[in-house]
PDB file of N, CA and C in Angstrom:
ATOM      1  N   MET A   1      -5.733 -45.192  34.143  1.00  0.00           N
ATOM      2  CA  MET A   1      -6.070 -43.896  33.364  1.00  0.00           C
ATOM      3  C   MET A   1      -6.773 -42.284  34.075  1.00  0.00           C
ATOM      4  N   GLU A   2      -5.918 -41.682  34.643  1.00  0.00           N
ATOM      5  CA  GLU A   2      -6.433 -40.619  35.372  1.00  0.00           C
ATOM      6  C   GLU A   2      -7.478 -39.496  35.035  1.00  0.00           C
ATOM      7  N   PHE A   3      -8.282 -39.322  35.655  1.00  0.00           N
ATOM      8  CA  PHE A   3      -9.507 -38.493  35.440  1.00  0.00           C
ATOM      9  C   PHE A   3      -9.031 -37.128  34.631  1.00  0.00           C
ATOM     10  N   GLN A   4      -9.474 -36.320  33.482  1.00  0.00           N
ATOM     11  CA  GLN A   4      -8.863 -35.039  33.443  1.00  0.00           C
ATOM     12  C   GLN A   4      -9.890 -34.080  32.971  1.00  0.00           C
ATOM     13  N   PRO A   5     -10.471 -33.095  34.129  1.00  0.00           N
ATOM     14  CA  PRO A   5     -11.318 -32.524  33.815  1.00  0.00           C
ATOM     15  C   PRO A   5     -11.627 -32.212  32.374  1.00  0.00           C
ATOM     16  N   GLU A   6     -12.479 -31.176  32.129  1.00  0.00           N
ATOM     17  CA  GLU A   6     -13.085 -30.762  30.822  1.00  0.00           C
ATOM     18  C   GLU A   6     -12.613 -29.248  31.324  1.00  0.00           C
ATOM     19  N   PRO A   7     -11.865 -28.508  30.113  1.00  0.00           N
ATOM     20  CA  PRO A   7     -11.057 -27.139  30.422  1.00  0.00           C
ATOM     21  C   PRO A   7     -11.948 -26.392  30.553  1.00  0.00           C
ATOM     22  N   THR A   8     -13.273 -26.597  29.795  1.00  0.00           N
ATOM     23  CA  THR A   8     -13.939 -25.473  30.109  1.00  0.00           C
ATOM     24  C   THR A   8     -14.799 -25.410  31.276  1.00  0.00           C
ATOM     25  N   LEU A   9     -14.671 -26.269  31.592  1.00  0.00           N
ATOM     26  CA  LEU A   9     -15.887 -26.631  33.286  1.00  0.00           C
ATOM     27  C   LEU A   9     -14.531 -26.044  34.038  1.00  0.00           C
ATOM     28  N   VAL A  10     -13.769 -26.462  33.770  1.00  0.00           N
ATOM     29  CA  VAL A  10     -12.498 -25.683  34.599  1.00  0.00           C
ATOM     30  C   VAL A  10     -12.146 -24.122  35.031  1.00  0.00           C
ATOM     31  N   GLU A  11     -12.532 -23.787  34.031  1.00  0.00           N
ATOM     32  CA  GLU A  11     -12.420 -22.332  33.174  1.00  0.00           C
ATOM     33  C   GLU A  11     -14.034 -21.754  33.920  1.00  0.00           C
ATOM     34  N   LEU A  12     -14.850 -22.306  33.968  1.00  0.00           N
ATOM     35  CA  LEU A  12     -16.225 -21.797  34.450  1.00  0.00           C
ATOM     36  C   LEU A  12     -16.472 -22.006  35.911  1.00  0.00           C
ATOM     37  N   ILE A  13     -15.497 -22.932  36.309  1.00  0.00           N
ATOM     38  CA  ILE A  13     -15.943 -22.587  37.916  1.00  0.00           C
ATOM     39  C   ILE A  13     -14.742 -22.060  38.266  1.00  0.00           C
ATOM     40  N   ARG A  14     -13.350 -21.532  37.830  1.00  0.00           N
ATOM     41  CA  ARG A  14     -12.538 -20.398  37.920  1.00  0.00           C
ATOM     42  C   ARG A  14     -13.288 -18.986  38.301  1.00  0.00           C
ATOM     43  N   TYR A  15     -14.132 -18.932  36.749  1.00  0.00           N
ATOM     44  CA  TYR A  15     -14.985 -17.649  36.923  1.00  0.00           C
ATOM     45  C   TYR A  15     -15.655 -17.485  38.176  1.00  0.00           C
ATOM     46  N   ASN A  16     -16.751 -18.456  38.205  1.00  0.00           N
ATOM     47  CA  ASN A  16     -17.416 -18.498  39.488  1.00  0.00           C
ATOM     48  C   ASN A  16     -16.887 -17.596  40.591  1.00  0.00           C
ATOM     49  N   ASN A  17     -15.783 -18.821  41.231  1.00  0.00           N
ATOM     50  CA  ASN A  17     -15.321 -18.370  41.843  1.00  0.00           C
ATOM     51  C   ASN A  17     -14.807 -16.964  42.416  1.00  0.00           C
ATOM     52  N   TRP A  18     -14.265 -16.598  40.873  1.00  0.00           N
ATOM     53  CA  TRP A  18     -13.545 -15.483  41.261  1.00  0.00           C
ATOM     54  C   TRP A  18     -15.180 -14.250  41.466  1.00  0.00           C
ATOM     55  N   ALA A  19     -16.097 -14.624  40.879  1.00  0.00           N
ATOM     56  CA  ALA A  19     -17.302 -13.737  40.718  1.00  0.00           C
ATOM     57  C   ALA A  19     -17.824 -13.772  42.267  1.00  0.00           C
ATOM     58  N   ASN A  20     -17.837 -15.189  42.639  1.00  0.00           N
ATOM     59  CA  ASN A  20     -18.380 -15.166  44.447  1.00  0.00           C
ATOM     60  C   ASN A  20     -17.345 -14.171  45.364  1.00  0.00           C
ATOM     61  N   THR A  21     -16.019 -14.610  45.061  1.00  0.00           N
ATOM     62  CA  THR A  21     -15.202 -13.579  45.894  1.00  0.00           C
ATOM     63  C   THR A  21     -15.594 -12.178  45.711  1.00  0.00           C
ATOM     64  N   GLN A  22     -15.397 -11.637  44.485  1.00  0.00           N
ATOM     65  CA  GLN A  22     -16.042  -9.990  44.334  1.00  0.00           C
ATOM     66  C   GLN A  22     -17.176 -10.046  45.210  1.00  0.00           C
ATOM     67  N   ILE A  23     -18.710 -10.472  45.215  1.00  0.00           N
ATOM     68  CA  ILE A  23     -19.506 -10.543  45.326  1.00  0.00           C
ATOM     69  C   ILE A  23     -19.479 -10.240  46.870  1.00  0.00           C
ATOM     70  N   ILE A  24     -18.799 -11.341  47.670  1.00  0.00           N
ATOM     71  CA  ILE A  24     -18.835 -11.400  48.957  1.00  0.00           C
ATOM     72  C   ILE A  24     -17.526 -10.019  49.519  1.00  0.00           C
ATOM     73  N   ALA A  25     -16.861  -9.638  48.721  1.00  0.00           N
ATOM     74  CA  ALA A  25     -16.078  -8.692  48.829  1.00  0.00           C
ATOM     75  C   ALA A  25     -16.567  -7.062  49.479  1.00  0.00           C
ATOM     76  N   VAL A  26     -17.830  -7.345  48.572  1.00  0.00           N
ATOM     77  CA  VAL A  26     -18.818  -6.035  48.637  1.00  0.00           C
ATOM     78  C   VAL A  26     -19.512  -6.410  49.726  1.00  0.00           C
ATOM     79  N   CYS A  27     -20.053  -7.390  50.226  1.00  0.00           N
ATOM     80  CA  CYS A  27     -21.082  -7.563  50.886  1.00  0.00           C
ATOM     81  C   CYS A  27     -20.423  -7.564  52.515  1.00  0.00           C
ATOM     82  N   GLN A  28     -19.337  -7.588  52.642  1.00  0.00           N
ATOM     83  CA  GLN A  28     -18.268  -7.732  53.932  1.00  0.00           C
ATOM     84  C   GLN A  28     -18.291  -5.589  53.957  1.00  0.00           C
ATOM     85  N   ARG A  29     -18.811  -5.212  53.200  1.00  0.00           N
ATOM     86  CA  ARG A  29     -18.719  -3.750  53.685  1.00  0.00           C
ATOM     87  C   ARG A  29     -20.033  -2.871  54.302  1.00  0.00           C
ATOM     88  N   LEU A  30     -21.336  -3.764  53.848  1.00  0.00           N
ATOM     89  CA  LEU A  30     -22.195  -3.236  53.960  1.00  0.00           C
ATOM     90  C   LEU A  30     -22.239  -3.751  55.674  1.00  0.00           C
ATOM     91  N   ASP A  31     -23.414  -2.500  56.280  1.00  0.00           N
ATOM     92  CA  ASP A  31     -23.907  -2.866  57.652  1.00  0.00           C
ATOM     93  C   ASP A  31     -25.732  -4.119  57.625  1.00  0.00           C
ATOM     94  N   ALA A  32     -25.861  -4.680  58.787  1.00  0.00           N
ATOM     95  CA  ALA A  32     -27.172  -5.556  59.251  1.00  0.00           C
ATOM     96  C   ALA A  32     -28.139  -5.147  58.182  1.00  0.00           C
ATOM     97  N   GLY A  33     -28.100  -4.126  58.222  1.00  0.00           N
ATOM     98  CA  GLY A  33     -29.399  -3.378  57.679  1.00  0.00           C
ATOM     99  C   GLY A  33     -29.310  -3.442  56.035  1.00  0.00           C
ATOM    100  N   GLN A  34     -28.251  -3.005  55.761  1.00  0.00           N
ATOM    101  CA  GLN A  34     -27.995  -3.482  54.265  1.00  0.00           C
ATOM    102  C   GLN A  34     -28.420  -4.508  53.667  1.00  0.00           C
ATOM    103  N   LEU A  35     -27.792  -5.307  54.099  1.00  0.00           N
ATOM    104  CA  LEU A  35     -27.411  -6.764  54.231  1.00  0.00           C
ATOM    105  C   LEU A  35     -29.154  -7.727  53.646  1.00  0.00           C
ATOM    106  N   ASP A  36     -29.726  -7.118  54.964  1.00  0.00           N
ATOM    107  CA  ASP A  36     -31.501  -7.479  55.266  1.00  0.00           C
ATOM    108  C   ASP A  36     -32.695  -6.979  54.633  1.00  0.00           C
ATOM    109  N   ALA A  37     -31.721  -5.842  53.785  1.00  0.00           N
ATOM    110  CA  ALA A  37     -32.859  -5.040  53.213  1.00  0.00           C
ATOM    111  C   ALA A  37     -33.894  -5.539  52.023  1.00  0.00           C
ATOM    112  N   THR A  38     -34.799  -5.373  51.699  1.00  0.00           N
ATOM    113  CA  THR A  38     -34.781  -6.393  50.000  1.00  0.00           C
ATOM    114  C   THR A  38     -35.426  -5.023  48.906  1.00  0.00           C
ATOM    115  N   ALA A  39     -35.501  -5.330  48.055  1.00  0.00           N
ATOM    116  CA  ALA A  39     -35.939  -4.400  47.300  1.00  0.00           C
ATOM    117  C   ALA A  39     -37.305  -5.141  46.170  1.00  0.00           C
ATOM    118  N   PRO A  40     -37.701  -3.949  45.210  1.00  0.00           N
ATOM    119  CA  PRO A  40     -38.891  -4.949  44.783  1.00  0.00           C
ATOM    120  C   PRO A  40     -37.819  -5.494  43.418  1.00  0.00           C
ATOM    121  N   GLY A  41     -38.750  -7.004  43.140  1.00  0.00           N
ATOM    122  CA  GLY A  41     -38.102  -7.710  41.740  1.00  0.00           C
ATOM    123  C   GLY A  41     -36.442  -8.095  42.259  1.00  0.00           C
ATOM    124  N   THR A  42     -36.304  -8.315  43.170  1.00  0.00           N
ATOM    125  CA  THR A  42     -35.489  -8.674  43.469  1.00  0.00           C
ATOM    126  C   THR A  42     -35.509 -10.502  44.249  1.00  0.00           C
ATOM    127  N   TYR A  43     -34.241 -11.299  44.308  1.00  0.00           N
ATOM    128  CA  TYR A  43     -34.530 -12.198  45.211  1.00  0.00           C
ATOM    129  C   TYR A  43     -34.994 -12.315  46.673  1.00  0.00           C
ATOM    130  N   GLY A  44     -34.882 -10.910  47.460  1.00  0.00           N
ATOM    131  CA  GLY A  44     -35.058 -10.532  48.260  1.00  0.00           C
ATOM    132  C   GLY A  44     -34.105  -9.920  49.256  1.00  0.00           C
ATOM    133  N   SER A  45     -33.418 -10.190  50.180  1.00  0.00           N
ATOM    134  CA  SER A  45     -32.641  -9.734  51.050  1.00  0.00           C
ATOM    135  C   SER A  45     -31.047 -10.040  50.482  1.00  0.00           C
ATOM    136  N   ILE A  46     -30.393  -9.294  50.700  1.00  0.00           N
ATOM    137  CA  ILE A  46     -28.717  -9.663  49.983  1.00  0.00           C
ATOM    138  C   ILE A  46     -28.855 -10.785  50.913  1.00  0.00           C
ATOM    139  N   TYR A  47     -28.294 -11.387  52.939  1.00  0.00           N
ATOM    140  CA  TYR A  47     -29.048 -12.419  52.653  1.00  0.00           C
ATOM    141  C   TYR A  47     -29.377 -13.644  52.341  1.00  0.00           C
ATOM    142  N   ASP A  48     -30.610 -13.337  51.851  1.00  0.00           N
ATOM    143  CA  ASP A  48     -31.579 -14.384  50.975  1.00  0.00           C
ATOM    144  C   ASP A  48     -30.920 -14.894  49.589  1.00  0.00           C
ATOM    145  N   THR A  49     -30.276 -14.053  49.176  1.00  0.00           N
ATOM    146  CA  THR A  49     -29.403 -13.789  47.852  1.00  0.00           C
ATOM    147  C   THR A  49     -28.203 -14.767  48.066  1.00  0.00           C
ATOM    148  N   LEU A  50     -27.769 -14.704  49.086  1.00  0.00           N
ATOM    149  CA  LEU A  50     -26.585 -15.299  49.304  1.00  0.00           C
ATOM    150  C   LEU A  50     -26.677 -16.715  49.562  1.00  0.00           C
ATOM    151  N   GLY A  51     -27.866 -16.669  50.284  1.00  0.00           N
ATOM    152  CA  GLY A  51     -28.411 -18.518  50.786  1.00  0.00           C
ATOM    153  C   GLY A  51     -28.660 -18.964  49.486  1.00  0.00           C
ATOM    154  N   HIS A  52     -29.182 -18.434  48.873  1.00  0.00           N
ATOM    155  CA  HIS A  52     -29.851 -19.067  47.970  1.00  0.00           C
ATOM    156  C   HIS A  52     -28.158 -19.269  46.577  1.00  0.00           C
ATOM    157  N   MET A  53     -27.673 -18.734  46.787  1.00  0.00           N
ATOM    158  CA  MET A  53     -26.111 -18.995  45.438  1.00  0.00           C
ATOM    159  C   MET A  53     -25.708 -20.379  46.201  1.00  0.00           C
ATOM    160  N   ILE A  54     -25.098 -20.351  47.957  1.00  0.00           N
ATOM    161  CA  ILE A  54     -24.622 -21.583  48.259  1.00  0.00           C
ATOM    162  C   ILE A  54     -25.399 -22.532  48.208  1.00  0.00           C
ATOM    163  N   ARG A  55     -26.614 -22.763  48.394  1.00  0.00           N
ATOM    164  CA  ARG A  55     -27.949 -23.991  47.920  1.00  0.00           C
ATOM    165  C   ARG A  55     -27.665 -24.544  46.185  1.00  0.00           C
ATOM    166  N   ALA A  56     -27.573 -23.231  45.354  1.00  0.00           N
ATOM    167  CA  ALA A  56     -27.640 -23.524  44.219  1.00  0.00           C
ATOM    168  C   ALA A  56     -26.652 -24.009  43.682  1.00  0.00           C
ATOM    169  N   GLU A  57     -25.065 -23.742  43.881  1.00  0.00           N
ATOM    170  CA  GLU A  57     -24.082 -24.185  43.812  1.00  0.00           C
ATOM    171  C   GLU A  57     -23.598 -25.250  44.626  1.00  0.00           C
ATOM    172  N   ALA A  58     -24.253 -25.630  45.729  1.00  0.00           N
ATOM    173  CA  ALA A  58     -23.800 -26.862  46.403  1.00  0.00           C
ATOM    174  C   ALA A  58     -24.905 -28.136  45.354  1.00  0.00           C
ATOM    175  N   ASP A  59     -25.747 -27.686  45.231  1.00  0.00           N
ATOM    176  CA  ASP A  59     -26.625 -28.425  44.516  1.00  0.00           C
ATOM    177  C   ASP A  59     -26.152 -29.198  42.786  1.00  0.00           C
ATOM    178  N   TYR A  60     -25.471 -27.934  42.461  1.00  0.00           N
ATOM    179  CA  TYR A  60     -24.533 -27.926  40.788  1.00  0.00           C
ATOM    180  C   TYR A  60     -23.361 -28.754  40.966  1.00  0.00           C
ATOM    181  N   ILE A  61     -22.683 -28.694  42.382  1.00  0.00           N
ATOM    182  CA  ILE A  61     -21.496 -29.341  42.672  1.00  0.00           C
ATOM    183  C   ILE A  61     -21.913 -31.215  42.532  1.00  0.00           C
ATOM    184  N   GLY A  62     -23.304 -31.383  43.761  1.00  0.00           N
ATOM    185  CA  GLY A  62     -23.688 -32.604  43.420  1.00  0.00           C
ATOM    186  C   GLY A  62     -24.373 -33.589  42.055  1.00  0.00           C
ATOM    187  N   ARG A  63     -24.317 -32.202  41.356  1.00  0.00           N
ATOM    188  CA  ARG A  63     -24.683 -33.034  39.946  1.00  0.00           C
ATOM    189  C   ARG A  63     -23.607 -33.471  39.300  1.00  0.00           C
ATOM    190  N   ILE A  64     -22.378 -32.857  39.351  1.00  0.00           N
ATOM    191  CA  ILE A  64     -21.383 -32.811  38.840  1.00  0.00           C
ATOM    192  C   ILE A  64     -20.646 -33.486  39.229  1.00  0.00           C
TER     193      ILE A  64
END
């Protein structure tokens, strides 16, 4: 019997990949100063946020 992933999970992963692609596209247009800037109430810089996203997704994938 072949493993069949849950359709809802597959759709969520596809959406997450789409959203990440959109974020990366915007970030590619920013200069280093913008990527390294911080603002009150945020996770830190955009660099920090991207690193957090990568670590969180790697952890999540490791759990499923």
